[in-house]
């Protein structure tokens, strides 16, 4: 009995010490860039056009590793639809991570509507971009909450988004309309409907964020 108790206590200690290891790991992890840089905040209506430019851009996943993107230069005009093609590991997803500054540049710049994204705060950058993942996931709650989680837009703007994404008829036929309850992971919606439900309205001249058309 004593041997069984000792083995059990040792196993519990080994499991619980993971929390200490995790705290140590987080305490040594470098923090992200500032959330807001007051003297570098872009205009409220930025980006008005959605022009994206990579200028001799290089990036690596962490210090000491090889570059995953090397000296990339390209320019995408606002409203253009482009496709990035390449084999597995070519760096397609890495370009998306760079736009959100989940990866910081090793060299070069990304400029969106004449604003260098490396100079502005992460909140000012990420709140203006939208990504549609290949496997969409919705939060448990109403459809309106998923479309406008921060309640920044009016019902008219939300309905306009649904109309342009061909989901207005479906939502209009629901008894609760915008208050349609989404189950966990959006299981009561089709995959296409879940993707549309991740669009964010925009206060600019276009209903969608100018960059929200970019998918992997």
N, C-alpha and C. Protein backbone atom coordinates (compact mmCIF):
# COMPACT_ATOMS: atom_id res chain seq x y z
N UNK A 1 0.83 -1.21 0.00
CA UNK A 1 0.00 0.00 0.00
C UNK A 1 0.85 1.25 0.00
N UNK A 2 1.93 1.22 0.76
CA UNK A 2 2.82 2.39 0.80
C UNK A 2 3.47 2.63 -0.56
N UNK A 3 3.87 1.55 -1.20
CA UNK A 3 4.50 1.68 -2.53
C UNK A 3 3.50 2.25 -3.54
N UNK A 4 2.27 1.77 -3.51
CA UNK A 4 1.25 2.29 -4.41
C UNK A 4 1.00 3.77 -4.16
N UNK A 5 0.96 4.15 -2.87
CA UNK A 5 0.73 5.57 -2.53
C UNK A 5 1.86 6.44 -3.03
N UNK A 6 3.12 5.96 -2.86
CA UNK A 6 4.29 6.74 -3.29
C UNK A 6 4.28 6.92 -4.81
N UNK A 7 3.95 5.85 -5.54
CA UNK A 7 3.91 5.96 -7.00
C UNK A 7 2.83 6.94 -7.43
N UNK A 8 1.69 6.88 -6.76
CA UNK A 8 0.59 7.78 -7.11
C UNK A 8 0.96 9.23 -6.82
N UNK A 9 1.57 9.50 -5.66
CA UNK A 9 1.95 10.86 -5.32
C UNK A 9 3.03 11.40 -6.27
N UNK A 10 3.95 10.50 -6.64
CA UNK A 10 4.99 10.92 -7.59
C UNK A 10 4.39 11.27 -8.95
N UNK A 11 3.41 10.49 -9.37
CA UNK A 11 2.74 10.75 -10.66
C UNK A 11 1.98 12.07 -10.61
N UNK A 12 1.28 12.32 -9.49
CA UNK A 12 0.55 13.59 -9.35
C UNK A 12 1.50 14.78 -9.35
N UNK A 13 2.64 14.63 -8.67
CA UNK A 13 3.62 15.72 -8.63
C UNK A 13 4.15 16.01 -10.02
N UNK A 14 4.43 14.94 -10.77
CA UNK A 14 4.94 15.12 -12.13
C UNK A 14 3.92 15.84 -13.01
N UNK A 15 2.64 15.53 -12.82
CA UNK A 15 1.59 16.19 -13.60
C UNK A 15 1.46 17.66 -13.21
N UNK A 16 1.49 17.92 -11.90
CA UNK A 16 1.29 19.29 -11.43
C UNK A 16 2.48 20.20 -11.73
N UNK A 17 3.68 19.63 -11.83
CA UNK A 17 4.86 20.46 -12.06
C UNK A 17 4.85 21.06 -13.46
N UNK A 18 4.00 20.50 -14.36
CA UNK A 18 3.87 21.06 -15.70
C UNK A 18 3.41 22.52 -15.63
N UNK A 19 2.54 22.83 -14.65
CA UNK A 19 2.08 24.21 -14.51
C UNK A 19 3.24 25.15 -14.18
N UNK A 20 4.16 24.69 -13.33
CA UNK A 20 5.33 25.49 -13.00
C UNK A 20 6.22 25.67 -14.23
N UNK A 21 6.39 24.61 -14.98
CA UNK A 21 7.20 24.70 -16.20
C UNK A 21 6.58 25.66 -17.20
N UNK A 22 5.24 25.66 -17.28
CA UNK A 22 4.56 26.54 -18.22
C UNK A 22 4.73 28.00 -17.80
N UNK A 23 4.61 28.28 -16.49
CA UNK A 23 4.81 29.64 -16.00
C UNK A 23 6.23 30.11 -16.30
N UNK A 24 7.21 29.25 -16.08
CA UNK A 24 8.60 29.59 -16.38
C UNK A 24 8.77 29.89 -17.87
N UNK A 25 8.15 29.06 -18.71
CA UNK A 25 8.26 29.27 -20.16
C UNK A 25 7.65 30.61 -20.57
N UNK A 26 6.46 30.92 -20.04
CA UNK A 26 5.81 32.19 -20.39
C UNK A 26 6.59 33.39 -19.87
N UNK A 27 7.20 33.25 -18.70
CA UNK A 27 7.96 34.38 -18.14
C UNK A 27 9.21 34.69 -18.95
N UNK A 28 9.70 33.70 -19.69
CA UNK A 28 10.91 33.89 -20.49
C UNK A 28 10.60 34.19 -21.95
N UNK A 29 9.31 34.11 -22.34
CA UNK A 29 8.93 34.37 -23.73
C UNK A 29 8.90 35.88 -23.99
N UNK A 30 9.50 36.29 -25.08
CA UNK A 30 9.52 37.72 -25.43
C UNK A 30 8.10 38.21 -25.70
N UNK A 31 7.76 39.38 -25.19
CA UNK A 31 6.42 39.94 -25.38
C UNK A 31 6.28 40.52 -26.78
N UNK A 32 5.02 40.65 -27.22
CA UNK A 32 4.75 41.24 -28.53
C UNK A 32 5.01 42.74 -28.50
N UNK A 33 4.92 43.35 -29.66
CA UNK A 33 5.08 44.80 -29.78
C UNK A 33 3.94 45.50 -29.03
N UNK A 34 4.08 46.82 -28.76
CA UNK A 34 3.03 47.55 -28.04
C UNK A 34 1.67 47.44 -28.71
N UNK A 35 0.61 47.39 -27.91
CA UNK A 35 -0.74 47.26 -28.43
C UNK A 35 -1.15 48.53 -29.18
N UNK A 36 -0.76 49.69 -28.64
CA UNK A 36 -1.06 50.98 -29.28
C UNK A 36 0.18 51.87 -29.18
N UNK A 37 0.57 52.47 -30.30
CA UNK A 37 1.65 53.46 -30.32
C UNK A 37 1.00 54.81 -30.60
N UNK A 38 0.88 55.64 -29.57
CA UNK A 38 0.06 56.84 -29.66
C UNK A 38 0.53 57.81 -30.73
N UNK A 39 1.84 57.99 -30.89
CA UNK A 39 2.32 58.97 -31.87
C UNK A 39 2.40 58.39 -33.28
N UNK A 40 1.99 57.11 -33.44
CA UNK A 40 2.03 56.49 -34.76
C UNK A 40 0.67 55.91 -35.16
N UNK A 41 -0.40 56.35 -34.51
CA UNK A 41 -1.71 55.79 -34.82
C UNK A 41 -2.17 56.22 -36.21
N UNK A 42 -2.64 55.29 -37.04
CA UNK A 42 -3.14 55.66 -38.36
C UNK A 42 -4.48 56.38 -38.25
N UNK A 43 -4.94 57.02 -39.33
CA UNK A 43 -6.25 57.67 -39.31
C UNK A 43 -7.37 56.67 -39.03
N UNK A 44 -8.47 57.13 -38.46
CA UNK A 44 -9.59 56.21 -38.14
C UNK A 44 -10.12 55.44 -39.34
N UNK A 45 -10.06 56.06 -40.55
CA UNK A 45 -10.60 55.38 -41.74
C UNK A 45 -9.54 54.57 -42.48
N UNK A 46 -8.36 54.38 -41.89
CA UNK A 46 -7.30 53.59 -42.51
C UNK A 46 -7.66 52.13 -42.46
N UNK A 47 -7.43 51.34 -43.51
CA UNK A 47 -6.90 51.73 -44.83
C UNK A 47 -8.05 52.05 -45.78
N UNK A 48 -8.03 53.22 -46.43
CA UNK A 48 -9.15 53.59 -47.31
C UNK A 48 -9.19 52.80 -48.61
N UNK A 49 -8.05 52.33 -49.09
CA UNK A 49 -8.00 51.64 -50.38
C UNK A 49 -7.65 50.15 -50.24
N UNK A 50 -6.73 49.83 -49.37
CA UNK A 50 -6.32 48.45 -49.21
C UNK A 50 -5.15 48.04 -50.08
N UNK A 51 -4.30 49.01 -50.48
CA UNK A 51 -3.10 48.67 -51.23
C UNK A 51 -2.08 48.03 -50.28
N UNK A 52 -1.58 46.86 -50.66
CA UNK A 52 -0.61 46.14 -49.84
C UNK A 52 0.68 45.97 -50.63
N UNK A 53 1.80 46.33 -49.98
CA UNK A 53 3.09 46.24 -50.66
C UNK A 53 4.12 45.58 -49.75
N UNK A 54 4.73 44.51 -50.24
CA UNK A 54 5.88 43.89 -49.58
C UNK A 54 7.14 44.47 -50.23
N UNK A 55 8.04 45.02 -49.43
CA UNK A 55 9.25 45.65 -49.96
C UNK A 55 10.47 44.88 -49.46
N UNK A 56 11.07 44.07 -50.36
CA UNK A 56 12.29 43.32 -50.03
C UNK A 56 12.15 42.64 -48.67
N UNK A 57 11.05 41.93 -48.48
CA UNK A 57 10.65 41.44 -47.16
C UNK A 57 11.21 40.05 -46.88
N UNK A 58 11.76 39.87 -45.69
CA UNK A 58 12.26 38.57 -45.24
C UNK A 58 11.78 38.33 -43.82
N UNK A 59 11.55 37.05 -43.48
CA UNK A 59 11.07 36.73 -42.14
C UNK A 59 11.52 35.32 -41.77
N UNK A 60 11.72 35.10 -40.46
CA UNK A 60 12.00 33.77 -39.91
C UNK A 60 11.10 33.55 -38.71
N UNK A 61 10.85 32.27 -38.38
CA UNK A 61 9.91 31.98 -37.30
C UNK A 61 10.48 32.33 -35.94
N UNK A 62 11.77 32.16 -35.74
CA UNK A 62 12.41 32.64 -34.51
C UNK A 62 13.90 32.80 -34.76
N UNK A 63 14.54 33.50 -33.85
CA UNK A 63 15.95 33.82 -33.99
C UNK A 63 16.77 32.54 -34.12
N UNK A 64 17.68 32.54 -35.09
CA UNK A 64 18.56 31.40 -35.27
C UNK A 64 18.10 30.43 -36.33
N UNK A 65 16.83 30.52 -36.77
CA UNK A 65 16.32 29.63 -37.81
C UNK A 65 16.52 30.25 -39.19
N UNK A 66 16.42 29.42 -40.22
CA UNK A 66 16.55 29.91 -41.59
C UNK A 66 15.36 30.78 -41.95
N UNK A 67 15.55 31.63 -42.93
CA UNK A 67 14.46 32.48 -43.42
C UNK A 67 13.41 31.63 -44.10
N UNK A 68 12.12 31.90 -43.82
CA UNK A 68 11.04 31.21 -44.53
C UNK A 68 10.54 32.03 -45.71
N UNK A 69 10.73 33.33 -45.67
CA UNK A 69 10.50 34.22 -46.81
C UNK A 69 11.77 35.02 -47.02
N UNK A 70 12.22 35.10 -48.24
CA UNK A 70 13.49 35.77 -48.50
C UNK A 70 13.34 36.81 -49.61
N UNK A 71 13.50 38.07 -49.25
CA UNK A 71 13.51 39.18 -50.21
C UNK A 71 12.28 39.19 -51.12
N UNK A 72 11.10 39.09 -50.50
CA UNK A 72 9.84 39.12 -51.25
C UNK A 72 9.47 40.57 -51.56
N UNK A 73 9.16 40.85 -52.81
CA UNK A 73 8.69 42.17 -53.22
C UNK A 73 7.45 41.99 -54.10
N UNK A 74 6.35 42.60 -53.70
CA UNK A 74 5.13 42.53 -54.52
C UNK A 74 4.21 43.68 -54.12
N UNK A 75 3.29 44.00 -55.01
CA UNK A 75 2.33 45.06 -54.75
C UNK A 75 0.95 44.59 -55.17
N UNK A 76 -0.02 44.73 -54.28
CA UNK A 76 -1.40 44.35 -54.55
C UNK A 76 -2.26 45.59 -54.42
N UNK A 77 -2.98 45.95 -55.47
CA UNK A 77 -3.84 47.11 -55.43
C UNK A 77 -5.12 46.80 -54.66
N UNK A 78 -5.73 47.83 -54.10
CA UNK A 78 -6.97 47.66 -53.37
C UNK A 78 -8.06 47.09 -54.25
N UNK A 79 -8.76 46.06 -53.77
CA UNK A 79 -9.83 45.44 -54.54
C UNK A 79 -9.39 44.32 -55.45
N UNK A 80 -8.08 44.16 -55.65
CA UNK A 80 -7.58 43.07 -56.48
C UNK A 80 -7.74 41.74 -55.75
N UNK A 81 -7.98 40.69 -56.51
CA UNK A 81 -8.02 39.34 -55.97
C UNK A 81 -6.83 38.58 -56.52
N UNK A 82 -5.99 38.06 -55.64
CA UNK A 82 -4.80 37.35 -56.08
C UNK A 82 -4.80 35.95 -55.47
N UNK A 83 -4.09 35.06 -56.11
CA UNK A 83 -3.88 33.71 -55.59
C UNK A 83 -2.40 33.46 -55.41
N UNK A 84 -2.02 32.92 -54.27
CA UNK A 84 -0.62 32.60 -54.00
C UNK A 84 -0.49 31.08 -54.06
N UNK A 85 0.31 30.59 -54.99
CA UNK A 85 0.41 29.17 -55.26
C UNK A 85 1.81 28.68 -54.90
N UNK A 86 1.87 27.53 -54.26
CA UNK A 86 3.18 26.97 -53.94
C UNK A 86 3.03 25.65 -53.23
N UNK A 87 4.10 24.89 -53.18
CA UNK A 87 4.08 23.60 -52.54
C UNK A 87 4.02 23.77 -51.02
N UNK A 88 3.78 22.68 -50.31
CA UNK A 88 3.75 22.72 -48.86
C UNK A 88 5.08 23.22 -48.31
N UNK A 89 5.00 24.20 -47.41
CA UNK A 89 6.21 24.76 -46.82
C UNK A 89 6.84 25.88 -47.63
N UNK A 90 6.16 26.31 -48.71
CA UNK A 90 6.73 27.36 -49.55
C UNK A 90 6.63 28.74 -48.91
N UNK A 91 5.74 28.90 -47.91
CA UNK A 91 5.63 30.19 -47.24
C UNK A 91 4.34 30.92 -47.50
N UNK A 92 3.32 30.22 -48.02
CA UNK A 92 2.05 30.88 -48.33
C UNK A 92 1.39 31.39 -47.04
N UNK A 93 1.24 30.52 -46.06
CA UNK A 93 0.62 30.93 -44.80
C UNK A 93 1.48 31.94 -44.05
N UNK A 94 2.78 31.86 -44.23
CA UNK A 94 3.69 32.78 -43.54
C UNK A 94 3.43 34.22 -43.96
N UNK A 95 3.06 34.43 -45.21
CA UNK A 95 2.78 35.78 -45.68
C UNK A 95 1.57 36.36 -44.95
N UNK A 96 0.57 35.50 -44.68
CA UNK A 96 -0.60 35.95 -43.93
C UNK A 96 -0.22 36.29 -42.50
N UNK A 97 0.61 35.46 -41.88
CA UNK A 97 1.05 35.72 -40.50
C UNK A 97 1.82 37.03 -40.42
N UNK A 98 2.56 37.35 -41.49
CA UNK A 98 3.33 38.60 -41.50
C UNK A 98 2.41 39.82 -41.55
N UNK A 99 1.30 39.72 -42.26
CA UNK A 99 0.37 40.84 -42.34
C UNK A 99 -0.19 41.19 -40.97
N UNK A 100 -0.40 40.18 -40.13
CA UNK A 100 -0.93 40.41 -38.79
C UNK A 100 0.19 40.62 -37.76
N UNK A 101 1.43 40.56 -38.22
CA UNK A 101 2.62 40.69 -37.37
C UNK A 101 2.65 39.62 -36.28
N UNK A 102 2.14 38.44 -36.60
CA UNK A 102 2.38 37.29 -35.73
C UNK A 102 3.83 36.86 -35.88
N UNK A 103 4.41 37.18 -37.03
CA UNK A 103 5.84 37.05 -37.25
C UNK A 103 6.39 38.44 -37.55
N UNK A 104 7.48 38.80 -36.88
CA UNK A 104 8.08 40.11 -37.13
C UNK A 104 9.14 39.99 -38.21
N UNK A 105 9.31 41.05 -38.98
CA UNK A 105 10.22 41.04 -40.12
C UNK A 105 11.67 40.88 -39.69
N UNK A 106 12.42 40.08 -40.45
CA UNK A 106 13.87 40.02 -40.28
C UNK A 106 14.52 41.11 -41.12
N UNK A 107 13.84 41.50 -42.19
CA UNK A 107 14.34 42.56 -43.06
C UNK A 107 13.20 43.03 -43.94
N UNK A 108 13.27 44.27 -44.41
CA UNK A 108 12.26 44.80 -45.31
C UNK A 108 11.03 45.34 -44.58
N UNK A 109 10.01 45.71 -45.35
CA UNK A 109 8.81 46.35 -44.82
C UNK A 109 7.56 45.84 -45.51
N UNK A 110 6.42 45.93 -44.79
CA UNK A 110 5.10 45.78 -45.39
C UNK A 110 4.39 47.12 -45.23
N UNK A 111 3.89 47.64 -46.34
CA UNK A 111 3.22 48.95 -46.33
C UNK A 111 1.79 48.76 -46.79
N UNK A 112 0.83 49.23 -45.99
CA UNK A 112 -0.58 49.20 -46.35
C UNK A 112 -1.08 50.63 -46.44
N UNK A 113 -1.46 51.05 -47.62
CA UNK A 113 -1.93 52.42 -47.85
C UNK A 113 -0.97 53.44 -47.24
N UNK A 114 0.31 53.30 -47.61
CA UNK A 114 1.37 54.24 -47.25
C UNK A 114 1.67 54.26 -45.74
N UNK A 115 1.24 53.27 -45.01
CA UNK A 115 1.55 53.15 -43.58
C UNK A 115 2.39 51.90 -43.37
N UNK A 116 3.58 52.06 -42.79
CA UNK A 116 4.43 50.91 -42.48
C UNK A 116 3.84 50.21 -41.25
N UNK A 117 3.44 48.96 -41.43
CA UNK A 117 2.74 48.27 -40.34
C UNK A 117 3.67 47.99 -39.17
N UNK A 118 4.98 48.02 -39.37
CA UNK A 118 5.91 47.76 -38.27
C UNK A 118 5.97 48.92 -37.29
N UNK A 119 5.44 50.09 -37.68
CA UNK A 119 5.54 51.28 -36.83
C UNK A 119 4.29 51.53 -36.01
N UNK A 120 3.19 50.88 -36.32
CA UNK A 120 1.94 51.15 -35.60
C UNK A 120 1.68 50.05 -34.57
N UNK A 121 0.75 50.30 -33.67
CA UNK A 121 0.42 49.33 -32.64
C UNK A 121 -0.30 48.12 -33.20
N UNK A 122 -0.18 47.01 -32.48
CA UNK A 122 -0.80 45.77 -32.96
C UNK A 122 -2.32 45.86 -33.00
N UNK A 123 -2.91 46.57 -32.05
CA UNK A 123 -4.38 46.70 -32.06
C UNK A 123 -4.84 47.49 -33.27
N UNK A 124 -4.14 48.60 -33.57
CA UNK A 124 -4.50 49.42 -34.73
C UNK A 124 -4.37 48.62 -36.02
N UNK A 125 -3.42 47.70 -36.07
CA UNK A 125 -3.21 46.89 -37.27
C UNK A 125 -4.24 45.77 -37.37
N UNK A 126 -4.32 44.94 -36.33
CA UNK A 126 -5.13 43.72 -36.41
C UNK A 126 -6.62 44.01 -36.41
N UNK A 127 -7.03 45.14 -35.83
CA UNK A 127 -8.46 45.45 -35.84
C UNK A 127 -8.94 45.88 -37.22
N UNK A 128 -8.01 46.16 -38.14
CA UNK A 128 -8.38 46.60 -39.48
C UNK A 128 -8.26 45.49 -40.53
N UNK A 129 -7.80 44.33 -40.12
CA UNK A 129 -7.63 43.21 -41.06
C UNK A 129 -8.61 42.10 -40.73
N UNK A 130 -8.97 41.35 -41.73
CA UNK A 130 -9.87 40.21 -41.56
C UNK A 130 -9.31 39.02 -42.31
N UNK A 131 -9.40 37.85 -41.69
CA UNK A 131 -8.96 36.62 -42.34
C UNK A 131 -10.07 35.60 -42.25
N UNK A 132 -10.24 34.83 -43.31
CA UNK A 132 -11.23 33.76 -43.32
C UNK A 132 -10.46 32.45 -43.30
N UNK A 133 -10.41 31.75 -42.19
CA UNK A 133 -9.64 30.51 -42.12
C UNK A 133 -10.29 29.40 -42.93
N UNK A 134 -9.49 28.41 -43.27
CA UNK A 134 -10.00 27.29 -44.05
C UNK A 134 -11.03 26.48 -43.27
N UNK A 135 -10.85 26.42 -41.94
CA UNK A 135 -11.79 25.71 -41.09
C UNK A 135 -12.43 26.73 -40.14
N UNK A 136 -13.54 27.35 -40.56
CA UNK A 136 -14.15 28.41 -39.75
C UNK A 136 -14.72 27.87 -38.45
N UNK A 137 -14.56 28.64 -37.40
CA UNK A 137 -15.11 28.29 -36.08
C UNK A 137 -15.85 29.50 -35.54
N UNK A 138 -17.10 29.30 -35.15
CA UNK A 138 -17.89 30.38 -34.55
C UNK A 138 -17.96 30.18 -33.04
N UNK A 139 -18.17 31.29 -32.33
CA UNK A 139 -18.34 31.24 -30.89
C UNK A 139 -19.81 30.97 -30.56
N UNK A 140 -20.04 30.31 -29.44
CA UNK A 140 -21.41 30.10 -28.99
C UNK A 140 -22.03 31.45 -28.67
N UNK A 141 -23.18 31.72 -29.24
CA UNK A 141 -23.84 33.01 -29.06
C UNK A 141 -24.69 33.33 -30.27
N UNK A 142 -25.09 34.58 -30.39
CA UNK A 142 -25.95 34.96 -31.50
C UNK A 142 -25.14 35.19 -32.77
N UNK A 143 -25.84 35.17 -33.90
CA UNK A 143 -25.19 35.45 -35.18
C UNK A 143 -24.65 36.87 -35.20
N UNK A 144 -25.41 37.80 -34.63
CA UNK A 144 -24.96 39.19 -34.62
C UNK A 144 -23.69 39.36 -33.80
N UNK A 145 -23.58 38.64 -32.70
CA UNK A 145 -22.39 38.72 -31.87
C UNK A 145 -21.16 38.23 -32.64
N UNK A 146 -21.35 37.18 -33.45
CA UNK A 146 -20.23 36.68 -34.24
C UNK A 146 -19.85 37.63 -35.36
N UNK A 147 -20.84 38.31 -35.94
CA UNK A 147 -20.57 39.28 -37.00
C UNK A 147 -19.96 40.57 -36.46
N UNK A 148 -20.42 41.01 -35.31
CA UNK A 148 -20.00 42.29 -34.75
C UNK A 148 -19.74 42.13 -33.25
N UNK A 149 -18.65 41.44 -32.87
CA UNK A 149 -18.41 41.12 -31.46
C UNK A 149 -18.23 42.34 -30.57
N UNK A 150 -17.77 43.46 -31.13
CA UNK A 150 -17.53 44.66 -30.32
C UNK A 150 -18.65 45.70 -30.45
N UNK A 151 -19.73 45.32 -31.13
CA UNK A 151 -20.91 46.17 -31.26
C UNK A 151 -20.55 47.57 -31.77
N UNK A 152 -19.80 47.59 -32.86
CA UNK A 152 -19.38 48.87 -33.44
C UNK A 152 -20.28 49.32 -34.58
N UNK A 153 -21.12 48.43 -35.11
CA UNK A 153 -21.87 48.73 -36.31
C UNK A 153 -23.37 48.61 -36.09
N UNK A 154 -24.11 49.33 -36.90
CA UNK A 154 -25.57 49.32 -36.79
C UNK A 154 -26.15 48.07 -37.43
N UNK A 155 -27.44 47.82 -37.15
CA UNK A 155 -28.11 46.67 -37.76
C UNK A 155 -28.14 46.79 -39.28
N UNK A 156 -28.28 48.03 -39.77
CA UNK A 156 -28.34 48.24 -41.22
C UNK A 156 -27.03 47.80 -41.88
N UNK A 157 -25.89 48.12 -41.25
CA UNK A 157 -24.60 47.73 -41.81
C UNK A 157 -24.43 46.21 -41.78
N UNK A 158 -24.90 45.59 -40.70
CA UNK A 158 -24.79 44.13 -40.58
C UNK A 158 -25.66 43.46 -41.65
N UNK A 159 -26.89 43.98 -41.84
CA UNK A 159 -27.76 43.41 -42.88
C UNK A 159 -27.16 43.60 -44.27
N UNK A 160 -26.48 44.72 -44.49
CA UNK A 160 -25.85 44.97 -45.79
C UNK A 160 -24.76 43.92 -46.06
N UNK A 161 -23.99 43.59 -45.01
CA UNK A 161 -22.97 42.55 -45.14
C UNK A 161 -23.61 41.23 -45.52
N UNK A 162 -24.70 40.88 -44.85
CA UNK A 162 -25.39 39.63 -45.15
C UNK A 162 -25.94 39.61 -46.57
N UNK A 163 -26.43 40.77 -47.03
CA UNK A 163 -26.97 40.86 -48.39
C UNK A 163 -25.88 40.64 -49.42
N UNK A 164 -24.74 41.28 -49.25
CA UNK A 164 -23.65 41.15 -50.23
C UNK A 164 -23.01 39.77 -50.19
N UNK A 165 -23.15 39.08 -49.09
CA UNK A 165 -22.58 37.73 -48.99
C UNK A 165 -23.63 36.66 -49.24
N UNK A 166 -24.81 37.07 -49.74
CA UNK A 166 -25.89 36.14 -50.13
C UNK A 166 -26.39 35.29 -48.96
N UNK A 167 -26.39 35.87 -47.77
CA UNK A 167 -26.89 35.16 -46.60
C UNK A 167 -28.12 35.84 -46.01
N UNK A 168 -28.53 36.95 -46.63
CA UNK A 168 -29.65 37.70 -46.09
C UNK A 168 -30.95 36.90 -46.10
N UNK A 169 -31.20 36.18 -47.19
CA UNK A 169 -32.44 35.41 -47.30
C UNK A 169 -32.51 34.34 -46.22
N UNK A 170 -31.40 33.67 -45.97
CA UNK A 170 -31.37 32.62 -44.95
C UNK A 170 -31.66 33.20 -43.57
N UNK A 171 -31.02 34.32 -43.24
CA UNK A 171 -31.20 34.92 -41.91
C UNK A 171 -32.61 35.50 -41.78
N UNK A 172 -33.13 36.10 -42.86
CA UNK A 172 -34.47 36.69 -42.82
C UNK A 172 -35.54 35.64 -42.56
N UNK A 173 -35.30 34.42 -43.01
CA UNK A 173 -36.27 33.35 -42.82
C UNK A 173 -36.24 32.73 -41.43
N UNK A 174 -35.24 33.14 -40.63
CA UNK A 174 -35.15 32.62 -39.27
C UNK A 174 -36.05 33.44 -38.34
N UNK A 175 -36.76 32.80 -37.42
CA UNK A 175 -37.66 33.54 -36.51
C UNK A 175 -36.93 34.60 -35.70
N UNK A 176 -35.69 34.30 -35.29
CA UNK A 176 -34.96 35.24 -34.43
C UNK A 176 -34.05 36.19 -35.20
N UNK A 177 -34.05 36.09 -36.55
CA UNK A 177 -33.26 37.00 -37.40
C UNK A 177 -31.79 37.05 -36.94
N UNK A 178 -31.28 38.26 -36.64
CA UNK A 178 -29.87 38.43 -36.25
C UNK A 178 -29.56 37.79 -34.90
N UNK A 179 -30.60 37.53 -34.13
CA UNK A 179 -30.40 36.90 -32.82
C UNK A 179 -30.39 35.38 -32.92
N UNK A 180 -30.23 34.86 -34.14
CA UNK A 180 -30.15 33.42 -34.34
C UNK A 180 -29.03 32.85 -33.48
N UNK A 181 -29.35 31.86 -32.69
CA UNK A 181 -28.38 31.28 -31.78
C UNK A 181 -27.47 30.30 -32.53
N UNK A 182 -26.17 30.55 -32.44
CA UNK A 182 -25.19 29.66 -33.06
C UNK A 182 -24.73 28.65 -32.02
N UNK A 183 -24.79 27.38 -32.36
CA UNK A 183 -24.34 26.36 -31.43
C UNK A 183 -22.81 26.37 -31.36
N UNK A 184 -22.25 25.58 -30.48
CA UNK A 184 -20.81 25.53 -30.31
C UNK A 184 -20.12 25.16 -31.62
N UNK A 185 -19.20 26.03 -32.06
CA UNK A 185 -18.50 25.79 -33.31
C UNK A 185 -19.34 26.07 -34.54
N UNK A 186 -20.57 26.59 -34.35
CA UNK A 186 -21.44 26.87 -35.49
C UNK A 186 -21.93 25.62 -36.17
N UNK A 187 -22.16 24.56 -35.40
CA UNK A 187 -22.55 23.28 -35.98
C UNK A 187 -23.93 23.30 -36.63
N UNK A 188 -24.77 24.28 -36.27
CA UNK A 188 -26.09 24.37 -36.89
C UNK A 188 -26.07 25.17 -38.18
N UNK A 189 -24.88 25.55 -38.67
CA UNK A 189 -24.72 26.25 -39.95
C UNK A 189 -23.81 25.43 -40.85
N UNK A 190 -23.95 25.63 -42.16
CA UNK A 190 -23.06 24.96 -43.09
C UNK A 190 -21.68 25.61 -43.04
N UNK A 191 -20.69 24.96 -43.64
CA UNK A 191 -19.33 25.50 -43.63
C UNK A 191 -19.28 26.85 -44.33
N UNK A 192 -19.99 26.97 -45.48
CA UNK A 192 -20.02 28.24 -46.20
C UNK A 192 -20.65 29.35 -45.38
N UNK A 193 -21.74 29.03 -44.68
CA UNK A 193 -22.41 30.03 -43.84
C UNK A 193 -21.52 30.44 -42.68
N UNK A 194 -20.74 29.51 -42.15
CA UNK A 194 -19.82 29.86 -41.05
C UNK A 194 -18.75 30.82 -41.54
N UNK A 195 -18.25 30.58 -42.76
CA UNK A 195 -17.22 31.47 -43.29
C UNK A 195 -17.76 32.88 -43.45
N UNK A 196 -18.97 33.00 -43.99
CA UNK A 196 -19.58 34.32 -44.17
C UNK A 196 -19.78 34.99 -42.82
N UNK A 197 -20.13 34.21 -41.80
CA UNK A 197 -20.42 34.77 -40.48
C UNK A 197 -19.18 35.32 -39.80
N UNK A 198 -18.01 35.10 -40.38
CA UNK A 198 -16.79 35.65 -39.81
C UNK A 198 -16.38 36.96 -40.46
N UNK A 199 -17.14 37.40 -41.48
CA UNK A 199 -16.88 38.71 -42.08
C UNK A 199 -17.16 39.80 -41.05
N UNK A 200 -16.41 40.90 -41.15
CA UNK A 200 -16.62 42.04 -40.28
C UNK A 200 -17.09 43.22 -41.13
N UNK A 201 -18.13 43.95 -40.73
CA UNK A 201 -18.51 45.15 -41.46
C UNK A 201 -17.39 46.18 -41.41
N UNK A 202 -17.41 47.12 -42.33
CA UNK A 202 -16.40 48.17 -42.35
C UNK A 202 -17.08 49.51 -42.42
N UNK A 203 -16.47 50.51 -41.76
CA UNK A 203 -17.02 51.86 -41.78
C UNK A 203 -16.56 52.65 -42.98
N UNK A 204 -15.73 52.04 -43.84
CA UNK A 204 -15.21 52.71 -45.01
C UNK A 204 -16.21 52.74 -46.15
N UNK A 205 -15.74 53.12 -47.34
CA UNK A 205 -16.65 53.23 -48.49
C UNK A 205 -17.19 51.88 -48.93
N UNK A 206 -16.46 50.81 -48.65
CA UNK A 206 -16.93 49.47 -49.01
C UNK A 206 -17.53 48.83 -47.77
N UNK A 207 -18.45 47.92 -47.95
CA UNK A 207 -19.11 47.30 -46.80
C UNK A 207 -18.14 46.38 -46.06
N UNK A 208 -17.27 45.69 -46.82
CA UNK A 208 -16.30 44.82 -46.19
C UNK A 208 -14.98 45.57 -46.02
N UNK A 209 -14.23 45.14 -45.01
CA UNK A 209 -12.88 45.64 -44.87
C UNK A 209 -12.14 45.41 -46.19
N UNK A 210 -11.38 46.39 -46.71
CA UNK A 210 -10.72 46.23 -48.01
C UNK A 210 -9.80 45.02 -48.07
N UNK A 211 -9.33 44.54 -46.91
CA UNK A 211 -8.41 43.40 -46.92
C UNK A 211 -9.11 42.10 -46.60
N UNK A 212 -10.41 42.14 -46.35
CA UNK A 212 -11.11 40.94 -45.88
C UNK A 212 -11.36 39.94 -46.99
N UNK A 213 -11.03 40.30 -48.24
CA UNK A 213 -11.27 39.37 -49.33
C UNK A 213 -10.12 38.37 -49.48
N UNK A 214 -9.05 38.55 -48.71
CA UNK A 214 -7.89 37.69 -48.86
C UNK A 214 -8.09 36.41 -48.08
N UNK A 215 -8.04 35.28 -48.75
CA UNK A 215 -8.12 33.98 -48.08
C UNK A 215 -6.90 33.17 -48.42
N UNK A 216 -6.64 32.18 -47.61
CA UNK A 216 -5.46 31.35 -47.88
C UNK A 216 -5.73 30.46 -49.09
